[in-house]
């Protein structure tokens, strides 16, 4: 008997068209209120639908939902762009931690740094690339080729499956 169980693959349930529309706006960095206004639904509905997206994908948090949607092909990946600068190993690590759904505490534990240092790194990266929020940061990571479909193991323990047609 193995001491450690195999990690489950994400269920990869398809998002509904409404959920995909919401996730696309989240990926663009829009706020809950802006999305609700655009789609003429309540902010509460946005929050519930994003939670359902996370449950379907086996992840937690909006940034992780956006990353999972890109990996699984449920959102159109952003066009590749030339990054304005090169990114340090610490910035790349920070980007990856946000994409896999790590909280500042998860990041601090994995990187063996203080929670304050993890928060500072996250904030500094968002500011440097002018990301509106963490989901937008994930989208920029895909555009700048810092993130891609090779990043599949999420903090939740789920392993995302890319579609076979990609």
N, C-alpha and C. Protein backbone atom coordinates (compact mmCIF):
# COMPACT_ATOMS: atom_id res chain seq x y z
N UNK A 1 0.84 -1.17 0.00
CA UNK A 1 0.00 0.00 0.00
C UNK A 1 0.89 1.23 0.00
N UNK A 2 0.57 2.19 -0.86
CA UNK A 2 1.33 3.42 -0.98
C UNK A 2 1.05 4.34 0.19
N UNK A 3 2.09 5.03 0.65
CA UNK A 3 1.94 5.97 1.75
C UNK A 3 1.24 7.24 1.30
N UNK A 4 1.27 7.51 0.01
CA UNK A 4 0.70 8.74 -0.50
C UNK A 4 -0.25 8.42 -1.65
N UNK A 5 -1.52 8.83 -1.54
CA UNK A 5 -2.45 8.53 -2.63
C UNK A 5 -2.12 9.32 -3.89
N UNK A 6 -2.48 8.76 -5.02
CA UNK A 6 -2.28 9.47 -6.29
C UNK A 6 -3.15 10.71 -6.31
N UNK A 7 -2.64 11.77 -6.90
CA UNK A 7 -3.40 13.01 -7.00
C UNK A 7 -4.47 12.86 -8.06
N UNK A 8 -5.68 13.29 -7.74
CA UNK A 8 -6.75 13.15 -8.73
C UNK A 8 -6.63 14.19 -9.84
N UNK A 9 -7.09 13.82 -11.01
CA UNK A 9 -7.19 14.79 -12.09
C UNK A 9 -8.42 15.62 -11.86
N UNK A 10 -8.38 16.86 -12.32
CA UNK A 10 -9.54 17.72 -12.21
C UNK A 10 -10.68 17.09 -12.99
N UNK A 11 -11.90 17.25 -12.53
CA UNK A 11 -13.04 16.65 -13.21
C UNK A 11 -13.24 17.18 -14.62
N UNK A 12 -12.71 18.35 -14.92
CA UNK A 12 -12.82 18.99 -16.24
C UNK A 12 -14.26 18.99 -16.73
N UNK A 13 -15.13 19.51 -15.91
CA UNK A 13 -16.50 19.70 -16.34
C UNK A 13 -16.57 21.00 -17.12
N UNK A 14 -17.33 20.99 -18.17
CA UNK A 14 -17.45 22.18 -19.01
C UNK A 14 -18.24 23.27 -18.29
N UNK A 15 -17.75 24.49 -18.43
CA UNK A 15 -18.49 25.63 -17.90
C UNK A 15 -19.68 25.89 -18.81
N UNK A 16 -20.73 26.44 -18.21
CA UNK A 16 -21.87 26.84 -19.03
C UNK A 16 -21.47 28.07 -19.84
N UNK A 17 -22.19 28.39 -20.90
CA UNK A 17 -21.87 29.61 -21.65
C UNK A 17 -21.89 30.86 -20.76
N UNK A 18 -22.82 30.93 -19.83
CA UNK A 18 -22.89 32.09 -18.92
C UNK A 18 -21.65 32.13 -18.02
N UNK A 19 -21.24 30.99 -17.51
CA UNK A 19 -20.04 30.94 -16.66
C UNK A 19 -18.81 31.33 -17.46
N UNK A 20 -18.71 30.90 -18.70
CA UNK A 20 -17.57 31.24 -19.54
C UNK A 20 -17.54 32.75 -19.81
N UNK A 21 -18.71 33.37 -20.02
CA UNK A 21 -18.75 34.82 -20.23
C UNK A 21 -18.25 35.56 -18.99
N UNK A 22 -18.67 35.08 -17.82
CA UNK A 22 -18.22 35.70 -16.57
C UNK A 22 -16.72 35.50 -16.40
N UNK A 23 -16.23 34.28 -16.61
CA UNK A 23 -14.81 33.98 -16.45
C UNK A 23 -13.96 34.83 -17.41
N UNK A 24 -14.46 35.06 -18.61
CA UNK A 24 -13.73 35.88 -19.58
C UNK A 24 -13.57 37.31 -19.08
N UNK A 25 -14.61 37.84 -18.48
CA UNK A 25 -14.54 39.21 -17.95
C UNK A 25 -13.64 39.27 -16.71
N UNK A 26 -13.69 38.22 -15.89
CA UNK A 26 -12.78 38.14 -14.73
C UNK A 26 -11.34 38.11 -15.23
N UNK A 27 -11.07 37.32 -16.27
CA UNK A 27 -9.72 37.20 -16.83
C UNK A 27 -9.21 38.53 -17.37
N UNK A 28 -10.13 39.38 -17.82
CA UNK A 28 -9.75 40.70 -18.34
C UNK A 28 -9.48 41.70 -17.22
N UNK A 29 -9.71 41.28 -15.97
CA UNK A 29 -9.42 42.15 -14.84
C UNK A 29 -10.59 42.98 -14.37
N UNK A 30 -11.77 42.72 -14.89
CA UNK A 30 -12.93 43.51 -14.49
C UNK A 30 -13.35 43.17 -13.06
N UNK A 31 -13.86 44.16 -12.37
CA UNK A 31 -14.36 43.96 -11.00
C UNK A 31 -15.72 43.27 -11.04
N UNK A 32 -16.10 42.72 -9.92
CA UNK A 32 -17.40 42.06 -9.81
C UNK A 32 -18.52 43.03 -10.18
N UNK A 33 -18.46 44.25 -9.66
CA UNK A 33 -19.52 45.23 -9.95
C UNK A 33 -19.57 45.58 -11.43
N UNK A 34 -18.40 45.72 -12.07
CA UNK A 34 -18.36 46.04 -13.49
C UNK A 34 -18.94 44.89 -14.32
N UNK A 35 -18.61 43.67 -13.94
CA UNK A 35 -19.13 42.50 -14.65
C UNK A 35 -20.65 42.43 -14.49
N UNK A 36 -21.11 42.63 -13.27
CA UNK A 36 -22.55 42.60 -13.00
C UNK A 36 -23.28 43.65 -13.83
N UNK A 37 -22.70 44.83 -13.91
CA UNK A 37 -23.29 45.90 -14.71
C UNK A 37 -23.30 45.54 -16.19
N UNK A 38 -22.18 45.03 -16.69
CA UNK A 38 -22.08 44.63 -18.11
C UNK A 38 -23.12 43.57 -18.47
N UNK A 39 -23.27 42.58 -17.60
CA UNK A 39 -24.15 41.44 -17.90
C UNK A 39 -25.56 41.60 -17.36
N UNK A 40 -25.79 42.69 -16.65
CA UNK A 40 -27.11 42.99 -16.08
C UNK A 40 -27.60 41.88 -15.15
N UNK A 41 -26.69 41.46 -14.27
CA UNK A 41 -27.01 40.50 -13.23
C UNK A 41 -26.42 41.03 -11.92
N UNK A 42 -26.72 40.39 -10.82
CA UNK A 42 -26.23 40.90 -9.54
C UNK A 42 -24.80 40.45 -9.26
N UNK A 43 -24.14 41.21 -8.39
CA UNK A 43 -22.79 40.85 -7.96
C UNK A 43 -22.81 39.49 -7.26
N UNK A 44 -23.87 39.22 -6.53
CA UNK A 44 -24.01 37.92 -5.86
C UNK A 44 -24.02 36.77 -6.86
N UNK A 45 -24.69 36.97 -7.98
CA UNK A 45 -24.73 35.94 -9.02
C UNK A 45 -23.33 35.70 -9.58
N UNK A 46 -22.57 36.78 -9.77
CA UNK A 46 -21.19 36.65 -10.26
C UNK A 46 -20.39 35.79 -9.28
N UNK A 47 -20.49 36.12 -8.00
CA UNK A 47 -19.72 35.39 -6.98
C UNK A 47 -20.12 33.92 -6.93
N UNK A 48 -21.40 33.62 -7.01
CA UNK A 48 -21.86 32.23 -6.97
C UNK A 48 -21.37 31.49 -8.21
N UNK A 49 -21.48 32.12 -9.37
CA UNK A 49 -21.05 31.45 -10.59
C UNK A 49 -19.55 31.20 -10.61
N UNK A 50 -18.76 32.14 -10.08
CA UNK A 50 -17.32 31.92 -10.02
C UNK A 50 -16.98 30.78 -9.05
N UNK A 51 -17.72 30.68 -7.97
CA UNK A 51 -17.51 29.57 -7.04
C UNK A 51 -17.84 28.25 -7.74
N UNK A 52 -18.92 28.24 -8.51
CA UNK A 52 -19.29 27.02 -9.25
C UNK A 52 -18.23 26.68 -10.30
N UNK A 53 -17.66 27.70 -10.94
CA UNK A 53 -16.58 27.45 -11.91
C UNK A 53 -15.41 26.75 -11.21
N UNK A 54 -15.04 27.26 -10.04
CA UNK A 54 -13.95 26.64 -9.28
C UNK A 54 -14.25 25.20 -8.91
N UNK A 55 -15.50 24.94 -8.51
CA UNK A 55 -15.89 23.58 -8.15
C UNK A 55 -15.80 22.66 -9.37
N UNK A 56 -16.25 23.13 -10.51
CA UNK A 56 -16.20 22.31 -11.73
C UNK A 56 -14.77 22.00 -12.14
N UNK A 57 -13.88 22.96 -11.91
CA UNK A 57 -12.49 22.80 -12.34
C UNK A 57 -11.59 22.22 -11.26
N UNK A 58 -12.12 22.12 -10.03
CA UNK A 58 -11.34 21.57 -8.93
C UNK A 58 -10.32 22.53 -8.36
N UNK A 59 -10.59 23.84 -8.47
CA UNK A 59 -9.66 24.86 -7.99
C UNK A 59 -10.39 25.85 -7.11
N UNK A 60 -9.61 26.68 -6.43
CA UNK A 60 -10.19 27.69 -5.56
C UNK A 60 -9.56 29.04 -5.86
N UNK A 61 -10.38 30.06 -5.99
CA UNK A 61 -9.91 31.40 -6.23
C UNK A 61 -10.01 31.78 -7.69
N UNK A 62 -10.27 33.05 -7.92
CA UNK A 62 -10.49 33.54 -9.29
C UNK A 62 -9.27 33.41 -10.18
N UNK A 63 -8.09 33.68 -9.65
CA UNK A 63 -6.88 33.55 -10.47
C UNK A 63 -6.70 32.10 -10.92
N UNK A 64 -6.93 31.16 -10.01
CA UNK A 64 -6.80 29.74 -10.36
C UNK A 64 -7.88 29.32 -11.36
N UNK A 65 -9.08 29.88 -11.24
CA UNK A 65 -10.14 29.58 -12.22
C UNK A 65 -9.70 30.04 -13.60
N UNK A 66 -9.16 31.25 -13.68
CA UNK A 66 -8.72 31.78 -14.98
C UNK A 66 -7.62 30.88 -15.56
N UNK A 67 -6.63 30.55 -14.75
CA UNK A 67 -5.55 29.68 -15.24
C UNK A 67 -6.11 28.32 -15.69
N UNK A 68 -6.98 27.74 -14.89
CA UNK A 68 -7.57 26.44 -15.24
C UNK A 68 -8.38 26.53 -16.53
N UNK A 69 -9.07 27.63 -16.73
CA UNK A 69 -9.83 27.81 -17.98
C UNK A 69 -8.90 27.89 -19.19
N UNK A 70 -7.75 28.53 -19.03
CA UNK A 70 -6.79 28.58 -20.14
C UNK A 70 -6.19 27.20 -20.40
N UNK A 71 -5.80 26.49 -19.34
CA UNK A 71 -5.21 25.16 -19.50
C UNK A 71 -6.18 24.20 -20.16
N UNK A 72 -7.44 24.23 -19.72
CA UNK A 72 -8.43 23.27 -20.22
C UNK A 72 -9.11 23.73 -21.51
N UNK A 73 -8.72 24.90 -22.01
CA UNK A 73 -9.28 25.38 -23.28
C UNK A 73 -10.67 25.95 -23.18
N UNK A 74 -11.12 26.28 -21.98
CA UNK A 74 -12.47 26.82 -21.83
C UNK A 74 -12.53 28.33 -22.00
N UNK A 75 -11.39 28.96 -22.03
CA UNK A 75 -11.28 30.37 -22.41
C UNK A 75 -10.25 30.45 -23.52
N UNK A 76 -10.48 31.34 -24.46
CA UNK A 76 -9.50 31.57 -25.51
C UNK A 76 -8.26 32.18 -24.87
N UNK A 77 -7.14 31.57 -25.14
CA UNK A 77 -5.89 32.06 -24.56
C UNK A 77 -5.55 33.42 -25.15
N UNK A 78 -4.96 34.28 -24.32
CA UNK A 78 -4.62 35.61 -24.84
C UNK A 78 -3.53 35.51 -25.91
N UNK A 79 -3.55 36.47 -26.81
CA UNK A 79 -2.51 36.50 -27.83
C UNK A 79 -1.17 36.74 -27.16
N UNK A 80 -0.16 36.09 -27.69
CA UNK A 80 1.20 36.26 -27.15
C UNK A 80 1.64 37.70 -27.39
N UNK A 81 2.32 38.24 -26.40
CA UNK A 81 2.82 39.61 -26.48
C UNK A 81 4.27 39.63 -26.03
N UNK A 82 4.98 40.59 -26.50
CA UNK A 82 6.36 40.78 -26.07
C UNK A 82 6.32 41.44 -24.71
N UNK A 83 6.94 40.83 -23.73
CA UNK A 83 6.94 41.43 -22.40
C UNK A 83 7.83 42.67 -22.42
N UNK A 84 7.41 43.68 -21.67
CA UNK A 84 8.18 44.92 -21.66
C UNK A 84 9.58 44.75 -21.07
N UNK A 85 9.75 43.75 -20.25
CA UNK A 85 11.04 43.51 -19.59
C UNK A 85 11.18 42.02 -19.37
N UNK A 86 12.35 41.60 -18.90
CA UNK A 86 12.50 40.22 -18.49
C UNK A 86 12.09 40.12 -17.02
N UNK A 87 11.71 38.94 -16.62
CA UNK A 87 11.25 38.74 -15.26
C UNK A 87 12.23 37.87 -14.50
N UNK A 88 12.43 38.21 -13.25
CA UNK A 88 13.36 37.46 -12.40
C UNK A 88 12.76 36.11 -12.04
N UNK A 89 13.59 35.23 -11.51
CA UNK A 89 13.10 33.93 -11.05
C UNK A 89 12.06 34.10 -9.94
N UNK A 90 12.27 35.06 -9.07
CA UNK A 90 11.31 35.31 -7.98
C UNK A 90 9.97 35.78 -8.55
N UNK A 91 10.01 36.65 -9.55
CA UNK A 91 8.76 37.11 -10.16
C UNK A 91 8.04 35.97 -10.86
N UNK A 92 8.80 35.13 -11.56
CA UNK A 92 8.19 33.98 -12.24
C UNK A 92 7.58 33.03 -11.22
N UNK A 93 8.29 32.77 -10.14
CA UNK A 93 7.76 31.91 -9.07
C UNK A 93 6.48 32.52 -8.49
N UNK A 94 6.47 33.81 -8.27
CA UNK A 94 5.29 34.48 -7.73
C UNK A 94 4.12 34.33 -8.68
N UNK A 95 4.36 34.55 -9.96
CA UNK A 95 3.32 34.42 -10.98
C UNK A 95 2.73 33.02 -10.96
N UNK A 96 3.59 32.03 -10.91
CA UNK A 96 3.15 30.63 -10.92
C UNK A 96 2.35 30.30 -9.67
N UNK A 97 2.77 30.81 -8.54
CA UNK A 97 2.04 30.54 -7.29
C UNK A 97 0.63 31.13 -7.34
N UNK A 98 0.51 32.32 -7.87
CA UNK A 98 -0.82 32.95 -7.99
C UNK A 98 -1.68 32.13 -8.95
N UNK A 99 -1.11 31.70 -10.06
CA UNK A 99 -1.87 30.94 -11.06
C UNK A 99 -2.39 29.61 -10.53
N UNK A 100 -1.64 28.97 -9.64
CA UNK A 100 -2.09 27.66 -9.13
C UNK A 100 -3.02 27.79 -7.93
N UNK A 101 -3.36 29.02 -7.58
CA UNK A 101 -4.33 29.23 -6.51
C UNK A 101 -3.74 29.34 -5.13
N UNK A 102 -2.45 29.63 -5.04
CA UNK A 102 -1.81 29.74 -3.72
C UNK A 102 -2.24 31.03 -3.02
N UNK A 103 -2.57 30.91 -1.77
CA UNK A 103 -2.79 32.09 -0.95
C UNK A 103 -1.42 32.63 -0.56
N UNK A 104 -1.39 33.81 0.03
CA UNK A 104 -0.11 34.36 0.47
C UNK A 104 0.54 33.43 1.50
N UNK A 105 -0.27 32.77 2.31
CA UNK A 105 0.27 31.84 3.31
C UNK A 105 0.85 30.59 2.64
N UNK A 106 0.13 30.06 1.63
CA UNK A 106 0.66 28.92 0.87
C UNK A 106 2.00 29.27 0.24
N UNK A 107 2.05 30.43 -0.38
CA UNK A 107 3.28 30.89 -1.03
C UNK A 107 4.40 31.03 -0.01
N UNK A 108 4.10 31.66 1.11
CA UNK A 108 5.12 31.85 2.16
C UNK A 108 5.66 30.50 2.62
N UNK A 109 4.77 29.55 2.86
CA UNK A 109 5.20 28.22 3.31
C UNK A 109 6.08 27.53 2.28
N UNK A 110 5.66 27.56 1.01
CA UNK A 110 6.42 26.88 -0.04
C UNK A 110 7.76 27.54 -0.31
N UNK A 111 7.80 28.88 -0.24
CA UNK A 111 9.04 29.60 -0.55
C UNK A 111 9.89 29.83 0.70
N UNK A 112 9.37 29.43 1.84
CA UNK A 112 10.06 29.62 3.13
C UNK A 112 10.42 31.08 3.37
N UNK A 113 9.38 31.90 3.19
CA UNK A 113 9.50 33.33 3.46
C UNK A 113 8.34 33.72 4.37
N UNK A 114 8.36 34.94 4.87
CA UNK A 114 7.26 35.39 5.71
C UNK A 114 6.03 35.67 4.85
N UNK A 115 4.88 35.67 5.49
CA UNK A 115 3.65 36.00 4.77
C UNK A 115 3.72 37.43 4.25
N UNK A 116 4.29 38.33 5.04
CA UNK A 116 4.44 39.72 4.60
C UNK A 116 5.31 39.81 3.34
N UNK A 117 6.38 39.03 3.28
CA UNK A 117 7.24 39.02 2.10
C UNK A 117 6.48 38.47 0.90
N UNK A 118 5.68 37.42 1.11
CA UNK A 118 4.89 36.86 0.02
C UNK A 118 3.90 37.90 -0.50
N UNK A 119 3.22 38.58 0.41
CA UNK A 119 2.27 39.62 0.01
C UNK A 119 2.97 40.74 -0.76
N UNK A 120 4.16 41.11 -0.30
CA UNK A 120 4.90 42.19 -0.94
C UNK A 120 5.31 41.77 -2.36
N UNK A 121 5.74 40.53 -2.53
CA UNK A 121 6.13 40.04 -3.85
C UNK A 121 4.93 40.03 -4.80
N UNK A 122 3.79 39.60 -4.28
CA UNK A 122 2.58 39.54 -5.11
C UNK A 122 2.16 40.96 -5.53
N UNK A 123 2.15 41.86 -4.60
CA UNK A 123 1.78 43.25 -4.86
C UNK A 123 2.75 43.89 -5.86
N UNK A 124 4.05 43.67 -5.65
CA UNK A 124 5.07 44.26 -6.52
C UNK A 124 4.91 43.76 -7.97
N UNK A 125 4.63 42.48 -8.14
CA UNK A 125 4.46 41.94 -9.49
C UNK A 125 3.23 42.55 -10.16
N UNK A 126 2.11 42.62 -9.43
CA UNK A 126 0.90 43.23 -9.99
C UNK A 126 1.19 44.66 -10.44
N UNK A 127 1.88 45.41 -9.60
CA UNK A 127 2.20 46.81 -9.94
C UNK A 127 3.14 46.89 -11.14
N UNK A 128 4.14 46.03 -11.17
CA UNK A 128 5.14 46.08 -12.25
C UNK A 128 4.51 45.87 -13.62
N UNK A 129 3.57 44.93 -13.71
CA UNK A 129 2.97 44.64 -15.02
C UNK A 129 1.61 45.33 -15.21
N UNK A 130 1.27 46.16 -14.23
CA UNK A 130 0.03 46.94 -14.28
C UNK A 130 -1.21 46.05 -14.38
N UNK A 131 -1.21 44.98 -13.61
CA UNK A 131 -2.37 44.09 -13.56
C UNK A 131 -3.43 44.70 -12.65
N UNK A 132 -4.67 44.62 -13.06
CA UNK A 132 -5.78 45.15 -12.25
C UNK A 132 -6.00 44.34 -10.98
N UNK A 133 -5.74 43.04 -11.08
CA UNK A 133 -5.95 42.12 -9.97
C UNK A 133 -5.26 40.79 -10.32
N UNK A 134 -5.39 39.79 -9.46
CA UNK A 134 -4.70 38.52 -9.70
C UNK A 134 -5.19 37.77 -10.95
N UNK A 135 -6.51 37.70 -11.21
CA UNK A 135 -6.91 37.03 -12.46
C UNK A 135 -6.33 37.71 -13.70
N UNK A 136 -6.29 39.03 -13.69
CA UNK A 136 -5.69 39.77 -14.81
C UNK A 136 -4.19 39.48 -14.89
N UNK A 137 -3.54 39.35 -13.75
CA UNK A 137 -2.12 39.00 -13.71
C UNK A 137 -1.89 37.64 -14.39
N UNK A 138 -2.78 36.69 -14.14
CA UNK A 138 -2.68 35.37 -14.78
C UNK A 138 -2.80 35.52 -16.30
N UNK A 139 -3.75 36.32 -16.76
CA UNK A 139 -3.92 36.54 -18.19
C UNK A 139 -2.65 37.14 -18.79
N UNK A 140 -2.07 38.11 -18.10
CA UNK A 140 -0.83 38.72 -18.58
C UNK A 140 0.31 37.69 -18.58
N UNK A 141 0.33 36.81 -17.59
CA UNK A 141 1.33 35.75 -17.55
C UNK A 141 1.25 34.84 -18.77
N UNK A 142 0.04 34.54 -19.20
CA UNK A 142 -0.14 33.74 -20.41
C UNK A 142 0.30 34.54 -21.63
N UNK A 143 -0.06 35.82 -21.68
CA UNK A 143 0.32 36.65 -22.83
C UNK A 143 1.84 36.78 -22.94
N UNK A 144 2.52 36.92 -21.81
CA UNK A 144 3.97 37.10 -21.81
C UNK A 144 4.74 35.78 -21.81
N UNK A 145 4.01 34.66 -21.93
CA UNK A 145 4.62 33.33 -22.00
C UNK A 145 5.35 32.94 -20.72
N UNK A 146 4.93 33.51 -19.61
CA UNK A 146 5.45 33.11 -18.30
C UNK A 146 4.67 31.90 -17.81
N UNK A 147 3.39 31.85 -18.16
CA UNK A 147 2.51 30.74 -17.79
C UNK A 147 2.10 30.00 -19.05
N UNK A 148 1.90 28.69 -18.92
CA UNK A 148 1.44 27.90 -20.04
C UNK A 148 0.79 26.62 -19.54
N UNK A 149 0.43 25.75 -20.48
CA UNK A 149 -0.29 24.52 -20.13
C UNK A 149 0.56 23.50 -19.38
N UNK A 150 1.84 23.76 -19.20
CA UNK A 150 2.67 22.84 -18.43
C UNK A 150 2.43 22.98 -16.92
N UNK A 151 1.84 24.08 -16.51
CA UNK A 151 1.57 24.33 -15.09
C UNK A 151 0.19 23.76 -14.77
N UNK A 152 0.14 22.50 -14.35
CA UNK A 152 -1.14 21.82 -14.18
C UNK A 152 -1.44 21.39 -12.75
N UNK A 153 -0.45 21.33 -11.89
CA UNK A 153 -0.71 20.89 -10.52
C UNK A 153 -1.08 22.09 -9.66
N UNK A 154 -2.33 22.08 -9.20
CA UNK A 154 -2.87 23.21 -8.46
C UNK A 154 -2.66 23.02 -6.96
N UNK A 155 -2.75 24.11 -6.21
CA UNK A 155 -2.61 24.04 -4.75
C UNK A 155 -3.66 23.09 -4.16
N UNK A 156 -4.83 23.03 -4.78
CA UNK A 156 -5.91 22.17 -4.30
C UNK A 156 -5.54 20.69 -4.37
N UNK A 157 -4.46 20.37 -5.11
CA UNK A 157 -4.09 18.98 -5.30
C UNK A 157 -4.59 18.42 -6.62
N UNK A 158 -5.47 19.15 -7.28
CA UNK A 158 -5.98 18.71 -8.57
C UNK A 158 -4.90 18.88 -9.64
N UNK A 159 -4.95 17.99 -10.61
CA UNK A 159 -4.07 18.09 -11.76
C UNK A 159 -4.96 18.35 -12.96
N UNK A 160 -4.76 19.50 -13.59
CA UNK A 160 -5.58 19.89 -14.73
C UNK A 160 -5.21 19.08 -15.95
N UNK A 161 -6.18 18.86 -16.80
CA UNK A 161 -5.96 18.14 -18.05
C UNK A 161 -6.22 19.09 -19.21
N UNK A 162 -5.22 19.28 -20.04
CA UNK A 162 -5.39 20.09 -21.23
C UNK A 162 -6.20 19.29 -22.23
N UNK A 163 -7.00 19.97 -23.04
CA UNK A 163 -7.76 19.23 -24.07
C UNK A 163 -6.79 18.59 -25.06
N UNK A 164 -7.20 17.49 -25.61
CA UNK A 164 -6.33 16.75 -26.52
C UNK A 164 -6.22 17.44 -27.88
N UNK A 165 -7.13 18.33 -28.20
CA UNK A 165 -7.11 19.00 -29.51
C UNK A 165 -6.23 20.24 -29.52
N UNK A 166 -5.59 20.62 -28.40
CA UNK A 166 -4.74 21.82 -28.37
C UNK A 166 -3.38 21.52 -28.92
